[in-house]
PDB file of N, CA and C in Angstrom:
ATOM      1  N   MET A   1      16.815 -33.213  23.136  1.00  0.00           N
ATOM      2  CA  MET A   1      15.640 -33.828  23.700  1.00  0.00           C
ATOM      3  C   MET A   1      14.560 -33.884  22.619  1.00  0.00           C
ATOM      4  N   ASN A   2      14.000 -35.044  22.443  1.00  0.00           N
ATOM      5  CA  ASN A   2      12.940 -35.233  21.469  1.00  0.00           C
ATOM      6  C   ASN A   2      11.612 -35.336  22.214  1.00  0.00           C
ATOM      7  N   LEU A   3      10.763 -34.341  22.038  1.00  0.00           N
ATOM      8  CA  LEU A   3       9.498 -34.311  22.781  1.00  0.00           C
ATOM      9  C   LEU A   3       8.576 -35.457  22.405  1.00  0.00           C
ATOM     10  N   GLU A   4       8.697 -35.943  21.192  1.00  0.00           N
ATOM     11  CA  GLU A   4       7.834 -37.035  20.749  1.00  0.00           C
ATOM     12  C   GLU A   4       8.113 -38.324  21.509  1.00  0.00           C
ATOM     13  N   ARG A   5       9.315 -38.462  22.036  1.00  0.00           N
ATOM     14  CA  ARG A   5       9.683 -39.677  22.755  1.00  0.00           C
ATOM     15  C   ARG A   5       9.315 -39.639  24.233  1.00  0.00           C
ATOM     16  N   LEU A   6       8.959 -38.470  24.720  1.00  0.00           N
ATOM     17  CA  LEU A   6       8.621 -38.349  26.136  1.00  0.00           C
ATOM     18  C   LEU A   6       7.246 -38.936  26.423  1.00  0.00           C
ATOM     19  N   LYS A   7       7.127 -39.508  27.591  1.00  0.00           N
ATOM     20  CA  LYS A   7       5.829 -40.002  28.059  1.00  0.00           C
ATOM     21  C   LYS A   7       4.976 -38.795  28.427  1.00  0.00           C
ATOM     22  N   PRO A   8       3.653 -38.938  28.397  1.00  0.00           N
ATOM     23  CA  PRO A   8       2.778 -37.808  28.770  1.00  0.00           C
ATOM     24  C   PRO A   8       3.117 -37.229  30.149  1.00  0.00           C
ATOM     25  N   GLU A   9       3.416 -38.095  31.101  1.00  0.00           N
ATOM     26  CA  GLU A   9       3.756 -37.623  32.449  1.00  0.00           C
ATOM     27  C   GLU A   9       5.025 -36.774  32.426  1.00  0.00           C
ATOM     28  N   GLU A  10       5.981 -37.168  31.617  1.00  0.00           N
ATOM     29  CA  GLU A  10       7.233 -36.414  31.512  1.00  0.00           C
ATOM     30  C   GLU A  10       6.990 -35.048  30.868  1.00  0.00           C
ATOM     31  N   LYS A  11       6.078 -35.017  29.897  1.00  0.00           N
ATOM     32  CA  LYS A  11       5.739 -33.743  29.261  1.00  0.00           C
ATOM     33  C   LYS A  11       5.085 -32.789  30.255  1.00  0.00           C
ATOM     34  N   VAL A  12       4.199 -33.322  31.078  1.00  0.00           N
ATOM     35  CA  VAL A  12       3.533 -32.499  32.097  1.00  0.00           C
ATOM     36  C   VAL A  12       4.557 -31.972  33.093  1.00  0.00           C
ATOM     37  N   ASN A  13       5.438 -32.839  33.553  1.00  0.00           N
ATOM     38  CA  ASN A  13       6.469 -32.413  34.506  1.00  0.00           C
ATOM     39  C   ASN A  13       7.388 -31.359  33.901  1.00  0.00           C
ATOM     40  N   LEU A  14       7.727 -31.504  32.640  1.00  0.00           N
ATOM     41  CA  LEU A  14       8.563 -30.518  31.957  1.00  0.00           C
ATOM     42  C   LEU A  14       7.834 -29.179  31.867  1.00  0.00           C
ATOM     43  N   SER A  15       6.555 -29.221  31.550  1.00  0.00           N
ATOM     44  CA  SER A  15       5.756 -27.991  31.466  1.00  0.00           C
ATOM     45  C   SER A  15       5.681 -27.281  32.814  1.00  0.00           C
ATOM     46  N   ILE A  16       5.450 -28.039  33.864  1.00  0.00           N
ATOM     47  CA  ILE A  16       5.380 -27.458  35.205  1.00  0.00           C
ATOM     48  C   ILE A  16       6.713 -26.816  35.574  1.00  0.00           C
ATOM     49  N   SER A  17       7.793 -27.491  35.251  1.00  0.00           N
ATOM     50  CA  SER A  17       9.122 -26.950  35.538  1.00  0.00           C
ATOM     51  C   SER A  17       9.364 -25.651  34.776  1.00  0.00           C
ATOM     52  N   MET A  18       8.927 -25.602  33.534  1.00  0.00           N
ATOM     53  CA  MET A  18       9.099 -24.390  32.726  1.00  0.00           C
ATOM     54  C   MET A  18       8.280 -23.234  33.288  1.00  0.00           C
ATOM     55  N   ILE A  19       7.057 -23.526  33.717  1.00  0.00           N
ATOM     56  CA  ILE A  19       6.207 -22.482  34.303  1.00  0.00           C
ATOM     57  C   ILE A  19       6.827 -21.961  35.594  1.00  0.00           C
ATOM     58  N   ASP A  20       7.306 -22.868  36.436  1.00  0.00           N
ATOM     59  CA  ASP A  20       7.963 -22.451  37.682  1.00  0.00           C
ATOM     60  C   ASP A  20       9.155 -21.547  37.405  1.00  0.00           C
ATOM     61  N   THR A  21       9.943 -21.907  36.409  1.00  0.00           N
ATOM     62  CA  THR A  21      11.112 -21.099  36.040  1.00  0.00           C
ATOM     63  C   THR A  21      10.686 -19.708  35.584  1.00  0.00           C
ATOM     64  N   CYS A  22       9.644 -19.634  34.779  1.00  0.00           N
ATOM     65  CA  CYS A  22       9.152 -18.339  34.305  1.00  0.00           C
ATOM     66  C   CYS A  22       8.660 -17.473  35.464  1.00  0.00           C
ATOM     67  N   ILE A  23       7.982 -18.080  36.425  1.00  0.00           N
ATOM     68  CA  ILE A  23       7.490 -17.336  37.578  1.00  0.00           C
ATOM     69  C   ILE A  23       8.653 -16.813  38.418  1.00  0.00           C
ATOM     70  N   HIS A  24       9.694 -17.628  38.585  1.00  0.00           N
ATOM     71  CA  HIS A  24      10.869 -17.181  39.346  1.00  0.00           C
ATOM     72  C   HIS A  24      11.579 -16.028  38.632  1.00  0.00           C
ATOM     73  N   ILE A  25      11.662 -16.099  37.318  1.00  0.00           N
ATOM     74  CA  ILE A  25      12.289 -15.024  36.546  1.00  0.00           C
ATOM     75  C   ILE A  25      11.476 -13.736  36.697  1.00  0.00           C
ATOM     76  N   CYS A  26      10.160 -13.850  36.613  1.00  0.00           N
ATOM     77  CA  CYS A  26       9.278 -12.694  36.768  1.00  0.00           C
ATOM     78  C   CYS A  26       9.429 -12.095  38.164  1.00  0.00           C
ATOM     79  N   ALA A  27       9.458 -12.941  39.178  1.00  0.00           N
ATOM     80  CA  ALA A  27       9.612 -12.469  40.555  1.00  0.00           C
ATOM     81  C   ALA A  27      10.954 -11.769  40.740  1.00  0.00           C
ATOM     82  N   ASP A  28      12.006 -12.333  40.195  1.00  0.00           N
ATOM     83  CA  ASP A  28      13.328 -11.708  40.309  1.00  0.00           C
ATOM     84  C   ASP A  28      13.364 -10.350  39.620  1.00  0.00           C
ATOM     85  N   ALA A  29      12.696 -10.237  38.464  1.00  0.00           N
ATOM     86  CA  ALA A  29      12.660  -8.956  37.752  1.00  0.00           C
ATOM     87  C   ALA A  29      11.922  -7.905  38.589  1.00  0.00           C
ATOM     88  N   LEU A  30      10.815  -8.302  39.198  1.00  0.00           N
ATOM     89  CA  LEU A  30      10.071  -7.364  40.039  1.00  0.00           C
ATOM     90  C   LEU A  30      10.874  -6.962  41.266  1.00  0.00           C
ATOM     91  N   LYS A  31      11.601  -7.903  41.852  1.00  0.00           N
ATOM     92  CA  LYS A  31      12.445  -7.595  43.010  1.00  0.00           C
ATOM     93  C   LYS A  31      13.589  -6.670  42.624  1.00  0.00           C
ATOM     94  N   ASP A  32      14.111  -6.820  41.400  1.00  0.00           N
ATOM     95  CA  ASP A  32      15.161  -5.918  40.930  1.00  0.00           C
ATOM     96  C   ASP A  32      14.630  -4.494  40.784  1.00  0.00           C
ATOM     97  N   GLN A  33      13.372  -4.362  40.380  1.00  0.00           N
ATOM     98  CA  GLN A  33      12.765  -3.047  40.226  1.00  0.00           C
ATOM     99  C   GLN A  33      12.458  -2.397  41.576  1.00  0.00           C
ATOM    100  N   ASP A  34      12.115  -3.219  42.556  1.00  0.00           N
ATOM    101  CA  ASP A  34      11.750  -2.700  43.881  1.00  0.00           C
ATOM    102  C   ASP A  34      12.221  -3.696  44.936  1.00  0.00           C
ATOM    103  N   ALA A  35      13.363  -3.418  45.514  1.00  0.00           N
ATOM    104  CA  ALA A  35      13.968  -4.332  46.489  1.00  0.00           C
ATOM    105  C   ALA A  35      13.164  -4.423  47.778  1.00  0.00           C
ATOM    106  N   THR A  36      12.295  -3.440  48.028  1.00  0.00           N
ATOM    107  CA  THR A  36      11.530  -3.434  49.272  1.00  0.00           C
ATOM    108  C   THR A  36      10.114  -3.991  49.098  1.00  0.00           C
ATOM    109  N   ILE A  37       9.820  -4.574  47.947  1.00  0.00           N
ATOM    110  CA  ILE A  37       8.470  -5.079  47.676  1.00  0.00           C
ATOM    111  C   ILE A  37       8.101  -6.172  48.674  1.00  0.00           C
ATOM    112  N   LYS A  38       6.876  -6.106  49.140  1.00  0.00           N
ATOM    113  CA  LYS A  38       6.385  -7.100  50.091  1.00  0.00           C
ATOM    114  C   LYS A  38       5.899  -8.330  49.327  1.00  0.00           C
ATOM    115  N   GLU A  39       5.925  -9.467  49.996  1.00  0.00           N
ATOM    116  CA  GLU A  39       5.567 -10.738  49.368  1.00  0.00           C
ATOM    117  C   GLU A  39       4.164 -10.714  48.765  1.00  0.00           C
ATOM    118  N   GLU A  40       3.220 -10.149  49.482  1.00  0.00           N
ATOM    119  CA  GLU A  40       1.838 -10.092  48.996  1.00  0.00           C
ATOM    120  C   GLU A  40       1.739  -9.274  47.707  1.00  0.00           C
ATOM    121  N   GLU A  41       2.401  -8.129  47.685  1.00  0.00           N
ATOM    122  CA  GLU A  41       2.381  -7.282  46.495  1.00  0.00           C
ATOM    123  C   GLU A  41       3.109  -7.963  45.334  1.00  0.00           C
ATOM    124  N   LEU A  42       4.192  -8.657  45.643  1.00  0.00           N
ATOM    125  CA  LEU A  42       4.936  -9.391  44.622  1.00  0.00           C
ATOM    126  C   LEU A  42       4.038 -10.432  43.958  1.00  0.00           C
ATOM    127  N   LEU A  43       3.311 -11.192  44.766  1.00  0.00           N
ATOM    128  CA  LEU A  43       2.419 -12.214  44.219  1.00  0.00           C
ATOM    129  C   LEU A  43       1.311 -11.595  43.375  1.00  0.00           C
ATOM    130  N   GLU A  44       0.774 -10.464  43.809  1.00  0.00           N
ATOM    131  CA  GLU A  44      -0.261  -9.778  43.030  1.00  0.00           C
ATOM    132  C   GLU A  44       0.269  -9.340  41.672  1.00  0.00           C
ATOM    133  N   LYS A  45       1.480  -8.783  41.657  1.00  0.00           N
ATOM    134  CA  LYS A  45       2.058  -8.322  40.393  1.00  0.00           C
ATOM    135  C   LYS A  45       2.390  -9.483  39.466  1.00  0.00           C
ATOM    136  N   ILE A  46       2.853 -10.592  40.028  1.00  0.00           N
ATOM    137  CA  ILE A  46       3.131 -11.771  39.205  1.00  0.00           C
ATOM    138  C   ILE A  46       1.834 -12.275  38.573  1.00  0.00           C
ATOM    139  N   ARG A  47       0.782 -12.370  39.378  1.00  0.00           N
ATOM    140  CA  ARG A  47      -0.522 -12.805  38.843  1.00  0.00           C
ATOM    141  C   ARG A  47      -1.004 -11.868  37.747  1.00  0.00           C
ATOM    142  N   ALA A  48      -0.836 -10.571  37.952  1.00  0.00           N
ATOM    143  CA  ALA A  48      -1.274  -9.593  36.954  1.00  0.00           C
ATOM    144  C   ALA A  48      -0.506  -9.772  35.645  1.00  0.00           C
ATOM    145  N   ARG A  49       0.793 -10.002  35.727  1.00  0.00           N
ATOM    146  CA  ARG A  49       1.591 -10.209  34.514  1.00  0.00           C
ATOM    147  C   ARG A  49       1.176 -11.477  33.784  1.00  0.00           C
ATOM    148  N   ILE A  50       0.932 -12.531  34.539  1.00  0.00           N
ATOM    149  CA  ILE A  50       0.530 -13.795  33.919  1.00  0.00           C
ATOM    150  C   ILE A  50      -0.829 -13.625  33.238  1.00  0.00           C
ATOM    151  N   MET A  51      -1.764 -12.991  33.912  1.00  0.00           N
ATOM    152  CA  MET A  51      -3.091 -12.796  33.329  1.00  0.00           C
ATOM    153  C   MET A  51      -3.031 -11.876  32.113  1.00  0.00           C
ATOM    154  N   TYR A  52      -2.175 -10.862  32.145  1.00  0.00           N
ATOM    155  CA  TYR A  52      -2.022  -9.972  30.996  1.00  0.00           C
ATOM    156  C   TYR A  52      -1.539 -10.766  29.795  1.00  0.00           C
ATOM    157  N   ASN A  53      -0.547 -11.622  29.987  1.00  0.00           N
ATOM    158  CA  ASN A  53      -0.022 -12.412  28.880  1.00  0.00           C
ATOM    159  C   ASN A  53      -1.057 -13.390  28.351  1.00  0.00           C
ATOM    160  N   ARG A  54      -1.889 -13.948  29.216  1.00  0.00           N
ATOM    161  CA  ARG A  54      -2.941 -14.861  28.757  1.00  0.00           C
ATOM    162  C   ARG A  54      -3.967 -14.113  27.915  1.00  0.00           C
ATOM    163  N   ARG A  55      -4.391 -12.947  28.381  1.00  0.00           N
ATOM    164  CA  ARG A  55      -5.360 -12.155  27.609  1.00  0.00           C
ATOM    165  C   ARG A  55      -4.759 -11.754  26.281  1.00  0.00           C
ATOM    166  N   ARG A  56      -3.510 -11.335  26.308  1.00  0.00           N
ATOM    167  CA  ARG A  56      -2.838 -10.884  25.089  1.00  0.00           C
ATOM    168  C   ARG A  56      -2.706 -12.029  24.095  1.00  0.00           C
ATOM    169  N   HIS A  57      -2.430 -13.225  24.589  1.00  0.00           N
ATOM    170  CA  HIS A  57      -2.288 -14.400  23.721  1.00  0.00           C
ATOM    171  C   HIS A  57      -3.603 -14.695  23.003  1.00  0.00           C
ATOM    172  N   HIS A  58      -4.716 -14.561  23.709  1.00  0.00           N
ATOM    173  CA  HIS A  58      -6.020 -14.876  23.113  1.00  0.00           C
ATOM    174  C   HIS A  58      -6.469 -13.802  22.144  1.00  0.00           C
ATOM    175  N   GLU A  59      -5.935 -12.603  22.251  1.00  0.00           N
ATOM    176  CA  GLU A  59      -6.307 -11.523  21.352  1.00  0.00           C
ATOM    177  C   GLU A  59      -5.635 -11.655  20.000  1.00  0.00           C
ATOM    178  N   VAL A  60      -4.512 -12.316  19.959  1.00  0.00           N
ATOM    179  CA  VAL A  60      -3.750 -12.414  18.703  1.00  0.00           C
ATOM    180  C   VAL A  60      -4.374 -13.383  17.769  1.00  0.00           C
TER     181      VAL A  60
END
């Protein structure tokens, strides 16, 4: 796949798909650590991980 050939809309859709995949992977990892985790707590932990990575990215 050549990113330069993609239309802007296709690039946005690809980015959204990648983010969704990352969130699902993060959720699955948290569920593996705690099979009894409630949905609300799962969402809080996912948000915390995403925000941690954003802060960490800006610090570098």
